[in-house]
Amino acid sequence: MIEKKKMFDIIVMIVVELVVGLMLLVNPIELTSVILICIGTVLLVEGVRQVIHYFMDEPDQASKQNTAAKGILLILLGILCVFKTDWFIRTFPVLTMLYGVILVISGVEKIQRTLDAIRLKSKKWGLIGLNALISIVCALLILFYPFESTQFLWMLTGCAFLGEALLDIASLINMHTKKKQ
């Protein structure tokens, strides 16, 4: 019974990975909008639930938990997610640029670690240096091409989902063939 449930869970996960991966490759903007609307809906429901609990709790207890403020904040965030998905989508290049800056900082720190490793005569300095180089190159690509890199990141994420699904399928087949032996 447990094995069948585990098998079902794995198959559901594979289907979800395949669908999300394909949707990210075909239409990442639409999928992002759907995800934002779903997140917004969950935030709205949770916000309403917290406001209701605020009024249902004893006044002393309710005043200590700030559930009314949390609930109102969640409702406002939910409304923003549901009705302003285009705003989030427009800000993704800015978030991508921020990610690029973080990668530059990380790459510079890795350069420092590479230099430290060289000075300390570590044999693994090349691996650290390669990691630094990859970080800096990716960061520069993101910073110089933020709009294109946003689309690329969505496509890369879609490919990652598809790759994960294929690996899950391979694992499932491997588990199934080992059980038969």
N, C-alpha and C. Protein backbone atom coordinates (compact mmCIF):
# COMPACT_ATOMS: atom_id res chain seq x y z
N MET A 1 0.82 -1.21 0.00
CA MET A 1 0.00 0.00 0.00
C MET A 1 0.86 1.26 0.00
N ILE A 2 1.88 1.27 0.85
CA ILE A 2 2.75 2.44 0.93
C ILE A 2 3.50 2.61 -0.39
N GLU A 3 3.95 1.50 -0.97
CA GLU A 3 4.69 1.59 -2.22
C GLU A 3 3.81 2.16 -3.33
N LYS A 4 2.55 1.78 -3.37
CA LYS A 4 1.65 2.31 -4.40
C LYS A 4 1.43 3.80 -4.21
N LYS A 5 1.28 4.23 -2.95
CA LYS A 5 1.10 5.65 -2.68
C LYS A 5 2.35 6.43 -3.06
N LYS A 6 3.51 5.88 -2.72
CA LYS A 6 4.77 6.53 -3.07
C LYS A 6 4.90 6.62 -4.59
N MET A 7 4.55 5.55 -5.28
CA MET A 7 4.60 5.53 -6.74
C MET A 7 3.65 6.58 -7.32
N PHE A 8 2.46 6.67 -6.76
CA PHE A 8 1.49 7.67 -7.22
C PHE A 8 2.03 9.08 -7.01
N ASP A 9 2.61 9.34 -5.83
CA ASP A 9 3.19 10.66 -5.54
C ASP A 9 4.30 11.01 -6.53
N ILE A 10 5.14 10.03 -6.83
CA ILE A 10 6.23 10.27 -7.78
C ILE A 10 5.67 10.59 -9.16
N ILE A 11 4.67 9.85 -9.59
CA ILE A 11 4.07 10.08 -10.91
C ILE A 11 3.41 11.45 -10.97
N VAL A 12 2.71 11.84 -9.91
CA VAL A 12 2.10 13.18 -9.87
C VAL A 12 3.18 14.25 -9.96
N MET A 13 4.27 14.07 -9.22
CA MET A 13 5.37 15.04 -9.25
C MET A 13 5.97 15.13 -10.65
N ILE A 14 6.12 14.01 -11.32
CA ILE A 14 6.67 14.01 -12.68
C ILE A 14 5.75 14.77 -13.62
N VAL A 15 4.46 14.53 -13.51
CA VAL A 15 3.49 15.23 -14.37
C VAL A 15 3.54 16.73 -14.11
N VAL A 16 3.59 17.12 -12.84
CA VAL A 16 3.67 18.54 -12.51
C VAL A 16 4.94 19.15 -13.07
N GLU A 17 6.07 18.47 -12.91
CA GLU A 17 7.34 18.98 -13.43
C GLU A 17 7.29 19.13 -14.95
N LEU A 18 6.71 18.15 -15.63
CA LEU A 18 6.61 18.22 -17.09
C LEU A 18 5.73 19.38 -17.53
N VAL A 19 4.58 19.53 -16.89
CA VAL A 19 3.65 20.61 -17.26
C VAL A 19 4.26 21.97 -16.99
N VAL A 20 4.82 22.16 -15.79
CA VAL A 20 5.41 23.45 -15.45
C VAL A 20 6.60 23.73 -16.36
N GLY A 21 7.44 22.74 -16.59
CA GLY A 21 8.60 22.92 -17.47
C GLY A 21 8.20 23.32 -18.87
N LEU A 22 7.22 22.63 -19.42
CA LEU A 22 6.76 22.98 -20.77
C LEU A 22 6.12 24.36 -20.81
N MET A 23 5.31 24.67 -19.79
CA MET A 23 4.67 25.99 -19.76
C MET A 23 5.71 27.10 -19.63
N LEU A 24 6.77 26.87 -18.85
CA LEU A 24 7.82 27.88 -18.73
C LEU A 24 8.55 28.08 -20.05
N LEU A 25 8.69 27.01 -20.81
CA LEU A 25 9.33 27.14 -22.12
C LEU A 25 8.41 27.80 -23.15
N VAL A 26 7.14 27.42 -23.13
CA VAL A 26 6.19 27.92 -24.13
C VAL A 26 5.71 29.33 -23.80
N ASN A 27 5.27 29.55 -22.56
CA ASN A 27 4.70 30.85 -22.21
C ASN A 27 4.99 31.19 -20.75
N PRO A 28 6.20 31.63 -20.46
CA PRO A 28 6.56 31.89 -19.07
C PRO A 28 5.76 33.02 -18.43
N ILE A 29 5.37 34.01 -19.22
CA ILE A 29 4.62 35.15 -18.67
C ILE A 29 3.25 34.70 -18.19
N GLU A 30 2.59 33.89 -19.00
CA GLU A 30 1.25 33.41 -18.61
C GLU A 30 1.33 32.53 -17.36
N LEU A 31 2.33 31.65 -17.30
CA LEU A 31 2.48 30.80 -16.13
C LEU A 31 2.77 31.64 -14.89
N THR A 32 3.62 32.64 -15.04
CA THR A 32 3.93 33.53 -13.92
C THR A 32 2.66 34.22 -13.43
N SER A 33 1.83 34.67 -14.36
CA SER A 33 0.57 35.32 -13.98
C SER A 33 -0.32 34.36 -13.21
N VAL A 34 -0.43 33.13 -13.68
CA VAL A 34 -1.26 32.13 -13.00
C VAL A 34 -0.72 31.86 -11.60
N ILE A 35 0.60 31.71 -11.49
CA ILE A 35 1.21 31.45 -10.17
C ILE A 35 0.96 32.62 -9.23
N LEU A 36 1.13 33.85 -9.74
CA LEU A 36 0.90 35.03 -8.90
C LEU A 36 -0.56 35.12 -8.45
N ILE A 37 -1.48 34.80 -9.33
CA ILE A 37 -2.90 34.82 -8.97
C ILE A 37 -3.19 33.77 -7.90
N CYS A 38 -2.59 32.59 -8.05
CA CYS A 38 -2.78 31.54 -7.03
C CYS A 38 -2.20 31.98 -5.69
N ILE A 39 -1.00 32.53 -5.71
CA ILE A 39 -0.38 33.03 -4.46
C ILE A 39 -1.25 34.12 -3.86
N GLY A 40 -1.73 35.03 -4.70
CA GLY A 40 -2.59 36.11 -4.21
C GLY A 40 -3.87 35.59 -3.58
N THR A 41 -4.44 34.57 -4.19
CA THR A 41 -5.67 33.98 -3.65
C THR A 41 -5.41 33.37 -2.28
N VAL A 42 -4.30 32.65 -2.15
CA VAL A 42 -3.95 32.05 -0.86
C VAL A 42 -3.73 33.15 0.19
N LEU A 43 -3.04 34.23 -0.20
CA LEU A 43 -2.81 35.34 0.72
C LEU A 43 -4.13 35.98 1.15
N LEU A 44 -5.04 36.16 0.20
CA LEU A 44 -6.35 36.74 0.53
C LEU A 44 -7.10 35.87 1.53
N VAL A 45 -7.16 34.58 1.27
CA VAL A 45 -7.89 33.67 2.15
C VAL A 45 -7.26 33.67 3.55
N GLU A 46 -5.93 33.60 3.60
CA GLU A 46 -5.25 33.60 4.90
C GLU A 46 -5.46 34.94 5.61
N GLY A 47 -5.44 36.02 4.87
CA GLY A 47 -5.67 37.33 5.47
C GLY A 47 -7.05 37.45 6.07
N VAL A 48 -8.06 37.01 5.33
CA VAL A 48 -9.43 37.03 5.84
C VAL A 48 -9.54 36.14 7.07
N ARG A 49 -8.91 34.96 7.03
CA ARG A 49 -8.94 34.05 8.17
C ARG A 49 -8.34 34.71 9.41
N GLN A 50 -7.22 35.41 9.23
CA GLN A 50 -6.58 36.05 10.39
C GLN A 50 -7.43 37.19 10.95
N VAL A 51 -8.07 37.96 10.08
CA VAL A 51 -8.94 39.05 10.55
C VAL A 51 -10.13 38.46 11.31
N ILE A 52 -10.70 37.39 10.80
CA ILE A 52 -11.83 36.73 11.48
C ILE A 52 -11.38 36.24 12.86
N HIS A 53 -10.20 35.61 12.91
CA HIS A 53 -9.69 35.13 14.20
C HIS A 53 -9.45 36.28 15.17
N TYR A 54 -9.03 37.41 14.65
CA TYR A 54 -8.82 38.56 15.52
C TYR A 54 -10.11 38.91 16.26
N PHE A 55 -11.23 38.92 15.53
CA PHE A 55 -12.50 39.28 16.15
C PHE A 55 -13.10 38.15 16.97
N MET A 56 -12.68 36.91 16.71
CA MET A 56 -13.20 35.78 17.47
C MET A 56 -12.42 35.55 18.77
N ASP A 57 -11.15 35.96 18.80
CA ASP A 57 -10.33 35.76 20.00
C ASP A 57 -10.74 36.74 21.10
N GLU A 58 -10.35 36.40 22.32
CA GLU A 58 -10.57 37.30 23.44
C GLU A 58 -9.76 38.57 23.21
N PRO A 59 -10.27 39.74 23.59
CA PRO A 59 -9.57 41.00 23.33
C PRO A 59 -8.13 41.03 23.84
N ASP A 60 -7.88 40.48 25.03
CA ASP A 60 -6.51 40.48 25.57
C ASP A 60 -5.58 39.66 24.67
N GLN A 61 -6.05 38.49 24.31
CA GLN A 61 -5.22 37.61 23.47
C GLN A 61 -5.05 38.21 22.08
N ALA A 62 -6.11 38.73 21.51
CA ALA A 62 -6.06 39.28 20.16
C ALA A 62 -5.11 40.48 20.07
N SER A 63 -5.08 41.29 21.12
CA SER A 63 -4.22 42.47 21.10
C SER A 63 -2.74 42.12 21.14
N LYS A 64 -2.39 40.94 21.63
CA LYS A 64 -1.00 40.51 21.70
C LYS A 64 -0.51 39.85 20.41
N GLN A 65 -1.42 39.38 19.59
CA GLN A 65 -1.03 38.59 18.42
C GLN A 65 -0.96 39.39 17.12
N ASN A 66 -1.49 40.58 17.10
CA ASN A 66 -1.47 41.42 15.89
C ASN A 66 -2.10 40.74 14.67
N THR A 67 -3.06 39.86 14.90
CA THR A 67 -3.64 39.14 13.76
C THR A 67 -4.43 40.06 12.83
N ALA A 68 -5.00 41.13 13.35
CA ALA A 68 -5.73 42.05 12.46
C ALA A 68 -4.76 42.71 11.49
N ALA A 69 -3.64 43.20 12.01
CA ALA A 69 -2.64 43.86 11.14
C ALA A 69 -2.06 42.87 10.14
N LYS A 70 -1.71 41.67 10.62
CA LYS A 70 -1.17 40.64 9.72
C LYS A 70 -2.20 40.29 8.65
N GLY A 71 -3.45 40.14 9.07
CA GLY A 71 -4.51 39.79 8.13
C GLY A 71 -4.72 40.87 7.07
N ILE A 72 -4.75 42.11 7.51
CA ILE A 72 -4.94 43.22 6.56
C ILE A 72 -3.76 43.29 5.59
N LEU A 73 -2.55 43.11 6.10
CA LEU A 73 -1.36 43.12 5.24
C LEU A 73 -1.43 41.99 4.21
N LEU A 74 -1.82 40.80 4.66
CA LEU A 74 -1.95 39.67 3.73
C LEU A 74 -3.03 39.93 2.68
N ILE A 75 -4.12 40.54 3.09
CA ILE A 75 -5.19 40.87 2.13
C ILE A 75 -4.67 41.86 1.09
N LEU A 76 -3.95 42.88 1.54
CA LEU A 76 -3.41 43.87 0.59
C LEU A 76 -2.41 43.23 -0.37
N LEU A 77 -1.53 42.37 0.16
CA LEU A 77 -0.58 41.67 -0.71
C LEU A 77 -1.30 40.74 -1.68
N GLY A 78 -2.34 40.09 -1.20
CA GLY A 78 -3.14 39.22 -2.06
C GLY A 78 -3.79 39.98 -3.19
N ILE A 79 -4.35 41.13 -2.87
CA ILE A 79 -4.97 41.98 -3.90
C ILE A 79 -3.93 42.41 -4.92
N LEU A 80 -2.76 42.79 -4.44
CA LEU A 80 -1.67 43.18 -5.33
C LEU A 80 -1.29 42.04 -6.27
N CYS A 81 -1.14 40.83 -5.72
CA CYS A 81 -0.78 39.67 -6.55
C CYS A 81 -1.87 39.33 -7.57
N VAL A 82 -3.11 39.38 -7.16
CA VAL A 82 -4.20 38.99 -8.05
C VAL A 82 -4.45 40.03 -9.14
N PHE A 83 -4.44 41.30 -8.76
CA PHE A 83 -4.85 42.33 -9.71
C PHE A 83 -3.70 43.09 -10.37
N LYS A 84 -2.49 42.87 -9.92
CA LYS A 84 -1.34 43.60 -10.48
C LYS A 84 -0.23 42.64 -10.91
N THR A 85 -0.60 41.52 -11.51
CA THR A 85 0.42 40.57 -11.95
C THR A 85 1.37 41.22 -12.95
N ASP A 86 0.85 42.12 -13.77
CA ASP A 86 1.70 42.78 -14.76
C ASP A 86 2.79 43.61 -14.09
N TRP A 87 2.52 44.19 -12.91
CA TRP A 87 3.53 44.96 -12.20
C TRP A 87 4.70 44.05 -11.79
N PHE A 88 4.36 42.87 -11.26
CA PHE A 88 5.40 41.92 -10.87
C PHE A 88 6.24 41.51 -12.08
N ILE A 89 5.56 41.24 -13.18
CA ILE A 89 6.25 40.81 -14.40
C ILE A 89 7.17 41.91 -14.91
N ARG A 90 6.70 43.15 -14.83
CA ARG A 90 7.54 44.28 -15.28
C ARG A 90 8.75 44.48 -14.38
N THR A 91 8.64 44.11 -13.10
CA THR A 91 9.77 44.32 -12.18
C THR A 91 10.77 43.17 -12.21
N PHE A 92 10.46 42.07 -12.87
CA PHE A 92 11.40 40.96 -12.93
C PHE A 92 12.76 41.35 -13.49
N PRO A 93 12.84 42.20 -14.54
CA PRO A 93 14.18 42.61 -14.99
C PRO A 93 14.97 43.36 -13.89
N VAL A 94 14.27 44.12 -13.07
CA VAL A 94 14.95 44.81 -11.96
C VAL A 94 15.47 43.78 -10.97
N LEU A 95 14.64 42.78 -10.67
CA LEU A 95 15.07 41.72 -9.77
C LEU A 95 16.23 40.94 -10.38
N THR A 96 16.19 40.76 -11.70
CA THR A 96 17.28 40.08 -12.39
C THR A 96 18.57 40.89 -12.26
N MET A 97 18.46 42.21 -12.41
CA MET A 97 19.64 43.07 -12.25
C MET A 97 20.19 42.95 -10.82
N LEU A 98 19.30 42.94 -9.85
CA LEU A 98 19.72 42.79 -8.46
C LEU A 98 20.46 41.46 -8.28
N TYR A 99 19.94 40.43 -8.89
CA TYR A 99 20.59 39.12 -8.85
C TYR A 99 21.97 39.20 -9.49
N GLY A 100 22.09 39.95 -10.59
CA GLY A 100 23.38 40.14 -11.24
C GLY A 100 24.39 40.81 -10.33
N VAL A 101 23.95 41.84 -9.61
CA VAL A 101 24.83 42.53 -8.66
C VAL A 101 25.29 41.57 -7.56
N ILE A 102 24.36 40.76 -7.06
CA ILE A 102 24.71 39.79 -6.02
C ILE A 102 25.74 38.79 -6.57
N LEU A 103 25.56 38.38 -7.83
CA LEU A 103 26.52 37.46 -8.44
C LEU A 103 27.90 38.09 -8.59
N VAL A 104 27.94 39.38 -8.93
CA VAL A 104 29.23 40.07 -9.04
C VAL A 104 29.94 40.06 -7.68
N ILE A 105 29.20 40.41 -6.64
CA ILE A 105 29.78 40.43 -5.29
C ILE A 105 30.28 39.04 -4.92
N SER A 106 29.47 38.04 -5.20
CA SER A 106 29.86 36.66 -4.92
C SER A 106 31.10 36.27 -5.72
N GLY A 107 31.13 36.66 -7.00
CA GLY A 107 32.28 36.35 -7.84
C GLY A 107 33.55 37.01 -7.34
N VAL A 108 33.46 38.26 -6.90
CA VAL A 108 34.63 38.96 -6.37
C VAL A 108 35.12 38.28 -5.09
N GLU A 109 34.20 37.85 -4.25
CA GLU A 109 34.59 37.13 -3.04
C GLU A 109 35.29 35.81 -3.40
N LYS A 110 34.82 35.16 -4.46
CA LYS A 110 35.45 33.91 -4.90
C LYS A 110 36.83 34.18 -5.48
N ILE A 111 37.00 35.32 -6.13
CA ILE A 111 38.33 35.70 -6.62
C ILE A 111 39.27 35.85 -5.42
N GLN A 112 38.78 36.50 -4.37
CA GLN A 112 39.58 36.63 -3.14
C GLN A 112 39.96 35.25 -2.61
N ARG A 113 39.00 34.33 -2.56
CA ARG A 113 39.29 32.99 -2.06
C ARG A 113 40.29 32.26 -2.96
N THR A 114 40.18 32.51 -4.28
CA THR A 114 41.13 31.90 -5.22
C THR A 114 42.54 32.42 -4.95
N LEU A 115 42.68 33.73 -4.80
CA LEU A 115 43.98 34.32 -4.51
C LEU A 115 44.53 33.81 -3.18
N ASP A 116 43.65 33.70 -2.19
CA ASP A 116 44.06 33.15 -0.89
C ASP A 116 44.56 31.72 -1.06
N ALA A 117 43.83 30.93 -1.83
CA ALA A 117 44.21 29.53 -2.04
C ALA A 117 45.56 29.44 -2.76
N ILE A 118 45.80 30.32 -3.72
CA ILE A 118 47.08 30.33 -4.43
C ILE A 118 48.21 30.67 -3.45
N ARG A 119 47.99 31.71 -2.67
CA ARG A 119 49.03 32.14 -1.72
C ARG A 119 49.27 31.09 -0.64
N LEU A 120 48.23 30.33 -0.30
CA LEU A 120 48.37 29.28 0.72
C LEU A 120 48.83 27.95 0.10
N LYS A 121 49.10 28.00 -1.22
CA LYS A 121 49.59 26.84 -1.97
C LYS A 121 48.62 25.66 -1.95
N SER A 122 47.32 25.97 -1.99
CA SER A 122 46.30 24.93 -2.07
C SER A 122 46.23 24.40 -3.49
N LYS A 123 46.03 23.11 -3.60
CA LYS A 123 45.95 22.49 -4.93
C LYS A 123 44.58 22.69 -5.58
N LYS A 124 43.61 23.13 -4.82
CA LYS A 124 42.24 23.26 -5.34
C LYS A 124 41.90 24.69 -5.76
N TRP A 125 42.90 25.53 -5.94
CA TRP A 125 42.63 26.92 -6.31
C TRP A 125 41.97 27.02 -7.68
N GLY A 126 42.26 26.10 -8.57
CA GLY A 126 41.69 26.14 -9.92
C GLY A 126 40.18 25.98 -9.92
N LEU A 127 39.69 25.11 -9.08
CA LEU A 127 38.24 24.89 -8.98
C LEU A 127 37.55 26.14 -8.43
N ILE A 128 38.15 26.73 -7.42
CA ILE A 128 37.60 27.97 -6.85
C ILE A 128 37.64 29.08 -7.90
N GLY A 129 38.76 29.16 -8.63
CA GLY A 129 38.89 30.17 -9.68
C GLY A 129 37.88 29.99 -10.80
N LEU A 130 37.65 28.74 -11.19
CA LEU A 130 36.66 28.46 -12.22
C LEU A 130 35.27 28.89 -11.76
N ASN A 131 34.97 28.60 -10.52
CA ASN A 131 33.69 29.00 -9.93
C ASN A 131 33.55 30.53 -9.95
N ALA A 132 34.64 31.22 -9.62
CA ALA A 132 34.63 32.70 -9.64
C ALA A 132 34.40 33.21 -11.05
N LEU A 133 35.07 32.61 -12.01
CA LEU A 133 34.94 33.02 -13.41
C LEU A 133 33.51 32.83 -13.90
N ILE A 134 32.93 31.70 -13.58
CA ILE A 134 31.54 31.44 -14.00
C ILE A 134 30.60 32.46 -13.37
N SER A 135 30.79 32.74 -12.09
CA SER A 135 29.93 33.73 -11.41
C SER A 135 30.05 35.10 -12.07
N ILE A 136 31.27 35.54 -12.35
CA ILE A 136 31.48 36.86 -12.94
C ILE A 136 30.89 36.92 -14.36
N VAL A 137 31.13 35.90 -15.16
CA VAL A 137 30.60 35.88 -16.53
C VAL A 137 29.07 35.92 -16.51
N CYS A 138 28.46 35.08 -15.68
CA CYS A 138 26.99 35.07 -15.59
C CYS A 138 26.47 36.42 -15.11
N ALA A 139 27.14 37.00 -14.13
CA ALA A 139 26.73 38.30 -13.61
C ALA A 139 26.80 39.37 -14.68
N LEU A 140 27.87 39.40 -15.45
CA LEU A 140 28.01 40.40 -16.51
C LEU A 140 26.95 40.22 -17.58
N LEU A 141 26.67 38.98 -17.94
CA LEU A 141 25.61 38.73 -18.93
C LEU A 141 24.26 39.24 -18.42
N ILE A 142 23.99 38.98 -17.15
CA ILE A 142 22.73 39.43 -16.56
C ILE A 142 22.67 40.95 -16.51
N LEU A 143 23.76 41.58 -16.11
CA LEU A 143 23.78 43.04 -15.96
C LEU A 143 23.71 43.75 -17.31
N PHE A 144 24.35 43.20 -18.33
CA PHE A 144 24.34 43.85 -19.64
C PHE A 144 23.11 43.51 -20.46
N TYR A 145 22.46 42.40 -20.14
CA TYR A 145 21.26 41.98 -20.88
C TYR A 145 20.15 41.56 -19.92
N PRO A 146 19.65 42.48 -19.08
CA PRO A 146 18.68 42.08 -18.04
C PRO A 146 17.37 41.56 -18.62
N PHE A 147 16.88 42.16 -19.70
CA PHE A 147 15.60 41.71 -20.25
C PHE A 147 15.74 40.35 -20.89
N GLU A 148 16.81 40.17 -21.65
CA GLU A 148 17.04 38.88 -22.28
C GLU A 148 17.34 37.80 -21.24
N SER A 149 18.09 38.18 -20.18
CA SER A 149 18.45 37.18 -19.18
C SER A 149 17.24 36.76 -18.35
N THR A 150 16.26 37.65 -18.19
CA THR A 150 15.03 37.25 -17.49
C THR A 150 14.34 36.14 -18.27
N GLN A 151 14.20 36.35 -19.57
CA GLN A 151 13.59 35.33 -20.43
C GLN A 151 14.43 34.05 -20.39
N PHE A 152 15.76 34.21 -20.44
CA PHE A 152 16.66 33.06 -20.40
C PHE A 152 16.51 32.30 -19.08
N LEU A 153 16.42 33.05 -17.97
CA LEU A 153 16.26 32.40 -16.67
C LEU A 153 14.97 31.59 -16.61
N TRP A 154 13.89 32.13 -17.19
CA TRP A 154 12.63 31.38 -17.24
C TRP A 154 12.81 30.11 -18.06
N MET A 155 13.48 30.25 -19.20
CA MET A 155 13.70 29.08 -20.05
C MET A 155 14.60 28.07 -19.34
N LEU A 156 15.63 28.56 -18.66
CA LEU A 156 16.51 27.67 -17.92
C LEU A 156 15.74 26.95 -16.81
N THR A 157 14.87 27.68 -16.13
CA THR A 157 14.04 27.06 -15.10
C THR A 157 13.13 26.00 -15.71
N GLY A 158 12.54 26.31 -16.87
CA GLY A 158 11.71 25.33 -17.57
C GLY A 158 12.50 24.09 -17.92
N CYS A 159 13.72 24.28 -18.43
CA CYS A 159 14.58 23.14 -18.76
C CYS A 159 14.93 22.35 -17.51
N ALA A 160 15.15 23.05 -16.40
CA ALA A 160 15.47 22.37 -15.14
C ALA A 160 14.30 21.50 -14.69
N PHE A 161 13.08 22.03 -14.82
CA PHE A 161 11.89 21.23 -14.47
C PHE A 161 11.80 20.00 -15.36
N LEU A 162 12.01 20.19 -16.67
CA LEU A 162 11.93 19.06 -17.60
C LEU A 162 13.05 18.05 -17.30
N GLY A 163 14.24 18.55 -17.03
CA GLY A 163 15.35 17.66 -16.70
C GLY A 163 15.07 16.88 -15.43
N GLU A 164 14.52 17.56 -14.45
CA GLU A 164 14.16 16.91 -13.19
C GLU A 164 13.11 15.82 -13.43
N ALA A 165 12.14 16.13 -14.27
CA ALA A 165 11.11 15.14 -14.59
C ALA A 165 11.73 13.93 -15.28
N LEU A 166 12.65 14.16 -16.22
CA LEU A 166 13.30 13.05 -16.91
C LEU A 166 14.14 12.21 -15.94
N LEU A 167 14.83 12.87 -15.02
CA LEU A 167 15.60 12.13 -14.02
C LEU A 167 14.68 11.33 -13.10
N ASP A 168 13.54 11.91 -12.75
CA ASP A 168 12.56 11.19 -11.93
C ASP A 168 12.02 9.97 -12.67
N ILE A 169 11.76 10.15 -13.96
CA ILE A 169 11.28 9.01 -14.77
C ILE A 169 12.35 7.92 -14.81
N ALA A 170 13.61 8.32 -15.02
CA ALA A 170 14.71 7.34 -15.05
C ALA A 170 14.83 6.62 -13.71
N SER A 171 14.69 7.37 -12.60
CA SER A 171 14.75 6.76 -11.27
C SER A 171 13.60 5.78 -11.07
N LEU A 172 12.43 6.19 -11.53
CA LEU A 172 11.25 5.33 -11.40
C LEU A 172 11.44 4.04 -12.17
N ILE A 173 11.94 4.16 -13.38
CA ILE A 173 12.19 2.96 -14.21
C ILE A 173 13.26 2.10 -13.55
N ASN A 174 14.30 2.73 -13.03
CA ASN A 174 15.36 2.01 -12.36
C ASN A 174 14.84 1.27 -11.13
N MET A 175 14.01 1.93 -10.33
CA MET A 175 13.42 1.28 -9.15
C MET A 175 12.55 0.11 -9.56
N HIS A 176 11.78 0.30 -10.64
CA HIS A 176 10.86 -0.74 -11.09
C HIS A 176 11.63 -1.96 -11.62
N THR A 177 12.71 -1.72 -12.37
CA THR A 177 13.47 -2.85 -12.91
C THR A 177 14.25 -3.58 -11.82
N LYS A 178 14.70 -2.87 -10.79
CA LYS A 178 15.41 -3.53 -9.68
C LYS A 178 14.46 -4.42 -8.88
N LYS A 179 13.20 -4.00 -8.76
CA LYS A 179 12.22 -4.80 -8.02
C LYS A 179 11.92 -6.10 -8.75
N LYS A 180 11.95 -6.07 -10.08
CA LYS A 180 11.68 -7.27 -10.87
C LYS A 180 12.81 -8.27 -10.79
N GLN A 181 14.03 -7.80 -10.55
CA GLN A 181 15.21 -8.70 -10.51
C GLN A 181 15.24 -9.42 -9.23
